[in-house]
Amino acid sequence: MQATALRETVDLAAYPDLIVVILGFKLRRLRALPAMLRIGRGLAAIRKNPPEGLLAEDGMLFGWNHVGFRQYWRDLPSLEAFTRSAPHSVWWQDFLKDPHGAGFWHEAYGARGIEAVYVNLPGQRLGLGMFAPRARPVGTLLSSRQRMQAHAGVEG
């Protein structure tokens, strides 16, 4: 006799502004390995002391040189507060100055919009970039909030 599969769902009523972020870090050169290790230590510290609004996080492996993380945030203001404060803001500014041969990308999904950014990944098509045309992150596409609003058809 075959057992019936347990089928469940989730009740997201308490999370109307939920944001799901998928982050990827890809080694493009061997010298990127120390940068990846620094990111790993930073994420471990975040797991020990989660920032306000981070509901959950898990990791994934896209390939031998490409790791990823999925984060669930209560809302966009919580995610923005985290990204604009240390340690994230310090790491981000350092990474933009010198990516050490690594590429980084993130995609954010929410009930009120969707957005993505890809850094130091020329010619590589990942995630939403596999089908959507690339654009420079300037003007109304500069920040996550602006991209989500633009892609949802919302006036800034």
C-alpha atoms as a PDB file:
ATOM      1  CA  MET A   1       0.000   0.000   0.000  1.00  0.00           C
ATOM      2  CA  GLN A   2       1.328   3.399  -0.998  1.00  0.00           C
ATOM      3  CA  ALA A   3       1.326   6.247   1.534  1.00  0.00           C
ATOM      4  CA  THR A   4      -0.459   9.461   0.607  1.00  0.00           C
ATOM      5  CA  ALA A   5       1.838  12.437   0.186  1.00  0.00           C
ATOM      6  CA  LEU A   6       1.514  15.118   2.850  1.00  0.00           C
ATOM      7  CA  ARG A   7       0.464  18.301   1.063  1.00  0.00           C
ATOM      8  CA  GLU A   8       0.746  21.637   2.895  1.00  0.00           C
ATOM      9  CA  THR A   9       0.834  25.347   2.117  1.00  0.00           C
ATOM     10  CA  VAL A  10       1.620  28.483   4.116  1.00  0.00           C
ATOM     11  CA  ASP A  11      -0.584  31.303   5.326  1.00  0.00           C
ATOM     12  CA  LEU A  12       1.170  34.543   4.356  1.00  0.00           C
ATOM     13  CA  ALA A  13      -1.646  36.824   5.566  1.00  0.00           C
ATOM     14  CA  ALA A  14       0.632  38.248   8.282  1.00  0.00           C
ATOM     15  CA  TYR A  15       3.258  39.176   5.648  1.00  0.00           C
ATOM     16  CA  PRO A  16       1.530  41.390   3.057  1.00  0.00           C
ATOM     17  CA  ASP A  17       4.782  43.214   2.244  1.00  0.00           C
ATOM     18  CA  LEU A  18       7.054  40.147   2.183  1.00  0.00           C
ATOM     19  CA  ILE A  19      10.219  40.494   0.085  1.00  0.00           C
ATOM     20  CA  VAL A  20      12.163  37.447  -1.119  1.00  0.00           C
ATOM     21  CA  VAL A  21      15.754  38.169  -2.119  1.00  0.00           C
ATOM     22  CA  ILE A  22      17.971  35.729  -3.984  1.00  0.00           C
ATOM     23  CA  LEU A  23      21.664  36.635  -3.903  1.00  0.00           C
ATOM     24  CA  GLY A  24      24.443  35.089  -5.927  1.00  0.00           C
ATOM     25  CA  PHE A  25      28.218  35.330  -5.598  1.00  0.00           C
ATOM     26  CA  LYS A  26      30.288  33.941  -8.449  1.00  0.00           C
ATOM     27  CA  LEU A  27      34.047  33.450  -8.493  1.00  0.00           C
ATOM     28  CA  ARG A  28      35.300  34.663 -11.847  1.00  0.00           C
ATOM     29  CA  ARG A  29      38.980  34.472 -10.894  1.00  0.00           C
ATOM     30  CA  LEU A  30      40.913  32.575  -8.230  1.00  0.00           C
ATOM     31  CA  ARG A  31      41.690  35.812  -6.364  1.00  0.00           C
ATOM     32  CA  ALA A  32      37.957  36.065  -5.570  1.00  0.00           C
ATOM     33  CA  LEU A  33      38.192  33.213  -3.047  1.00  0.00           C
ATOM     34  CA  PRO A  34      39.165  35.439  -0.063  1.00  0.00           C
ATOM     35  CA  ALA A  35      36.255  37.760  -0.914  1.00  0.00           C
ATOM     36  CA  MET A  36      33.893  34.788  -0.885  1.00  0.00           C
ATOM     37  CA  LEU A  37      35.234  33.676   2.494  1.00  0.00           C
ATOM     38  CA  ARG A  38      34.667  37.207   3.884  1.00  0.00           C
ATOM     39  CA  ILE A  39      31.072  37.085   2.638  1.00  0.00           C
ATOM     40  CA  GLY A  40      30.633  33.691   4.313  1.00  0.00           C
ATOM     41  CA  ARG A  41      31.880  35.057   7.637  1.00  0.00           C
ATOM     42  CA  GLY A  42      29.573  38.057   7.296  1.00  0.00           C
ATOM     43  CA  LEU A  43      26.559  35.869   6.595  1.00  0.00           C
ATOM     44  CA  ALA A  44      27.420  33.640   9.559  1.00  0.00           C
ATOM     45  CA  ALA A  45      27.458  36.741  11.783  1.00  0.00           C
ATOM     46  CA  ILE A  46      24.061  37.776  10.399  1.00  0.00           C
ATOM     47  CA  ARG A  47      22.650  34.327  11.202  1.00  0.00           C
ATOM     48  CA  LYS A  48      23.885  34.654  14.796  1.00  0.00           C
ATOM     49  CA  ASN A  49      22.436  38.147  15.169  1.00  0.00           C
ATOM     50  CA  PRO A  50      19.733  38.650  12.504  1.00  0.00           C
ATOM     51  CA  PRO A  51      18.908  42.225  11.540  1.00  0.00           C
ATOM     52  CA  GLU A  52      15.439  43.575  12.226  1.00  0.00           C
ATOM     53  CA  GLY A  53      13.036  42.301   9.593  1.00  0.00           C
ATOM     54  CA  LEU A  54      15.037  39.291   8.365  1.00  0.00           C
ATOM     55  CA  LEU A  55      12.637  36.382   8.817  1.00  0.00           C
ATOM     56  CA  ALA A  56      14.750  33.526   7.439  1.00  0.00           C
ATOM     57  CA  GLU A  57      17.738  32.723   5.227  1.00  0.00           C
ATOM     58  CA  ASP A  58      19.104  29.640   3.530  1.00  0.00           C
ATOM     59  CA  GLY A  59      21.963  28.841   1.197  1.00  0.00           C
ATOM     60  CA  MET A  60      22.266  27.091  -2.139  1.00  0.00           C
ATOM     61  CA  LEU A  61      24.950  26.037  -4.558  1.00  0.00           C
ATOM     62  CA  PHE A  62      24.484  26.958  -8.218  1.00  0.00           C
ATOM     63  CA  GLY A  63      27.854  25.504  -9.249  1.00  0.00           C
ATOM     64  CA  TRP A  64      31.356  24.837  -7.935  1.00  0.00           C
ATOM     65  CA  ASN A  65      32.163  28.564  -8.262  1.00  0.00           C
ATOM     66  CA  HIS A  66      28.711  30.053  -7.705  1.00  0.00           C
ATOM     67  CA  VAL A  67      26.968  30.187  -4.306  1.00  0.00           C
ATOM     68  CA  GLY A  68      23.637  31.718  -3.465  1.00  0.00           C
ATOM     69  CA  PHE A  69      21.420  32.717  -0.597  1.00  0.00           C
ATOM     70  CA  ARG A  70      17.692  33.215  -0.293  1.00  0.00           C
ATOM     71  CA  GLN A  71      16.438  35.673   2.284  1.00  0.00           C
ATOM     72  CA  TYR A  72      12.903  36.430   3.425  1.00  0.00           C
ATOM     73  CA  TRP A  73      12.350  39.989   4.667  1.00  0.00           C
ATOM     74  CA  ARG A  74       9.258  41.285   6.451  1.00  0.00           C
ATOM     75  CA  ASP A  75       9.136  44.338   4.142  1.00  0.00           C
ATOM     76  CA  LEU A  76      11.190  46.580   1.873  1.00  0.00           C
ATOM     77  CA  PRO A  77      11.956  49.213   4.559  1.00  0.00           C
ATOM     78  CA  SER A  78      13.598  46.482   6.719  1.00  0.00           C
ATOM     79  CA  LEU A  79      15.720  45.309   3.792  1.00  0.00           C
ATOM     80  CA  GLU A  80      16.674  48.892   2.903  1.00  0.00           C
ATOM     81  CA  ALA A  81      17.645  49.688   6.514  1.00  0.00           C
ATOM     82  CA  PHE A  82      19.933  46.649   6.558  1.00  0.00           C
ATOM     83  CA  THR A  83      21.576  47.407   3.207  1.00  0.00           C
ATOM     84  CA  ARG A  84      22.221  51.037   4.177  1.00  0.00           C
ATOM     85  CA  SER A  85      23.915  50.231   7.490  1.00  0.00           C
ATOM     86  CA  ALA A  86      27.096  48.430   8.534  1.00  0.00           C
ATOM     87  CA  PRO A  87      28.199  45.763   8.005  1.00  0.00           C
ATOM     88  CA  HIS A  88      26.396  45.488   4.648  1.00  0.00           C
ATOM     89  CA  SER A  89      27.064  49.050   3.466  1.00  0.00           C
ATOM     90  CA  VAL A  90      30.783  48.724   4.228  1.00  0.00           C
ATOM     91  CA  TRP A  91      31.076  45.421   2.361  1.00  0.00           C
ATOM     92  CA  TRP A  92      29.091  46.771  -0.593  1.00  0.00           C
ATOM     93  CA  GLN A  93      31.242  49.904  -0.985  1.00  0.00           C
ATOM     94  CA  ASP A  94      34.441  47.812  -0.725  1.00  0.00           C
ATOM     95  CA  PHE A  95      33.111  45.335  -3.285  1.00  0.00           C
ATOM     96  CA  LEU A  96      32.205  48.095  -5.760  1.00  0.00           C
ATOM     97  CA  LYS A  97      35.724  49.555  -5.448  1.00  0.00           C
ATOM     98  CA  ASP A  98      37.382  46.186  -6.110  1.00  0.00           C
ATOM     99  CA  PRO A  99      35.331  43.028  -6.713  1.00  0.00           C
ATOM    100  CA  HIS A 100      38.513  40.895  -6.521  1.00  0.00           C
ATOM    101  CA  GLY A 101      37.509  38.910  -9.591  1.00  0.00           C
ATOM    102  CA  ALA A 102      34.067  38.047  -8.241  1.00  0.00           C
ATOM    103  CA  GLY A 103      30.617  38.758  -9.575  1.00  0.00           C
ATOM    104  CA  PHE A 104      27.554  39.502  -7.494  1.00  0.00           C
ATOM    105  CA  TRP A 105      23.862  39.609  -8.293  1.00  0.00           C
ATOM    106  CA  HIS A 106      20.569  39.803  -6.496  1.00  0.00           C
ATOM    107  CA  GLU A 107      16.919  39.591  -7.408  1.00  0.00           C
ATOM    108  CA  ALA A 108      14.118  40.787  -5.147  1.00  0.00           C
ATOM    109  CA  TYR A 109      10.529  39.608  -5.434  1.00  0.00           C
ATOM    110  CA  GLY A 110       7.560  41.092  -3.668  1.00  0.00           C
ATOM    111  CA  ALA A 111       3.818  41.432  -4.049  1.00  0.00           C
ATOM    112  CA  ARG A 112       4.369  45.041  -5.071  1.00  0.00           C
ATOM    113  CA  GLY A 113       7.187  44.587  -7.602  1.00  0.00           C
ATOM    114  CA  ILE A 114      10.283  42.745  -8.749  1.00  0.00           C
ATOM    115  CA  GLU A 115      13.839  43.915  -9.430  1.00  0.00           C
ATOM    116  CA  ALA A 116      17.394  42.733 -10.069  1.00  0.00           C
ATOM    117  CA  VAL A 117      20.969  44.003 -10.195  1.00  0.00           C
ATOM    118  CA  TYR A 118      24.112  42.332 -11.564  1.00  0.00           C
ATOM    119  CA  VAL A 119      27.627  43.553 -10.701  1.00  0.00           C
ATOM    120  CA  ASN A 120      30.837  42.528 -12.457  1.00  0.00           C
ATOM    121  CA  LEU A 121      29.180  39.774 -14.519  1.00  0.00           C
ATOM    122  CA  PRO A 122      29.737  40.979 -18.094  1.00  0.00           C
ATOM    123  CA  GLY A 123      28.249  38.756 -20.768  1.00  0.00           C
ATOM    124  CA  GLN A 124      26.755  36.349 -18.228  1.00  0.00           C
ATOM    125  CA  ARG A 125      23.018  35.902 -18.209  1.00  0.00           C
ATOM    126  CA  LEU A 126      21.638  34.893 -14.803  1.00  0.00           C
ATOM    127  CA  GLY A 127      18.151  34.843 -13.308  1.00  0.00           C
ATOM    128  CA  LEU A 128      15.850  37.486 -14.761  1.00  0.00           C
ATOM    129  CA  GLY A 129      18.755  38.568 -16.969  1.00  0.00           C
ATOM    130  CA  MET A 130      18.408  35.324 -18.938  1.00  0.00           C
ATOM    131  CA  PHE A 131      15.407  36.767 -20.774  1.00  0.00           C
ATOM    132  CA  ALA A 132      14.951  40.452 -19.894  1.00  0.00           C
ATOM    133  CA  PRO A 133      17.042  43.135 -21.633  1.00  0.00           C
ATOM    134  CA  ARG A 134      19.847  44.670 -19.584  1.00  0.00           C
ATOM    135  CA  ALA A 135      19.692  48.302 -18.504  1.00  0.00           C
ATOM    136  CA  ARG A 136      22.061  50.580 -16.602  1.00  0.00           C
ATOM    137  CA  PRO A 137      21.080  51.120 -12.936  1.00  0.00           C
ATOM    138  CA  VAL A 138      20.711  54.897 -13.209  1.00  0.00           C
ATOM    139  CA  GLY A 139      17.827  57.339 -12.846  1.00  0.00           C
ATOM    140  CA  THR A 140      14.608  55.513 -11.987  1.00  0.00           C
ATOM    141  CA  LEU A 141      16.524  52.197 -11.956  1.00  0.00           C
ATOM    142  CA  LEU A 142      19.178  53.261  -9.401  1.00  0.00           C
ATOM    143  CA  SER A 143      17.854  51.697  -6.175  1.00  0.00           C
ATOM    144  CA  SER A 144      15.960  48.512  -5.356  1.00  0.00           C
ATOM    145  CA  ARG A 145      12.893  50.540  -4.387  1.00  0.00           C
ATOM    146  CA  GLN A 146      12.977  52.539  -7.634  1.00  0.00           C
ATOM    147  CA  ARG A 147      13.418  49.393  -9.758  1.00  0.00           C
ATOM    148  CA  MET A 148      10.555  47.619  -7.979  1.00  0.00           C
ATOM    149  CA  GLN A 149       8.281  50.617  -8.516  1.00  0.00           C
ATOM    150  CA  ALA A 150       9.325  51.001 -12.161  1.00  0.00           C
ATOM    151  CA  HIS A 151       8.783  47.324 -12.922  1.00  0.00           C
ATOM    152  CA  ALA A 152       5.392  47.363 -11.164  1.00  0.00           C
ATOM    153  CA  GLY A 153       4.315  50.423 -13.156  1.00  0.00           C
ATOM    154  CA  VAL A 154       4.121  52.610 -10.041  1.00  0.00           C
ATOM    155  CA  GLU A 155       4.995  56.295 -10.213  1.00  0.00           C
ATOM    156  CA  GLY A 156       7.908  57.201  -7.878  1.00  0.00           C
END
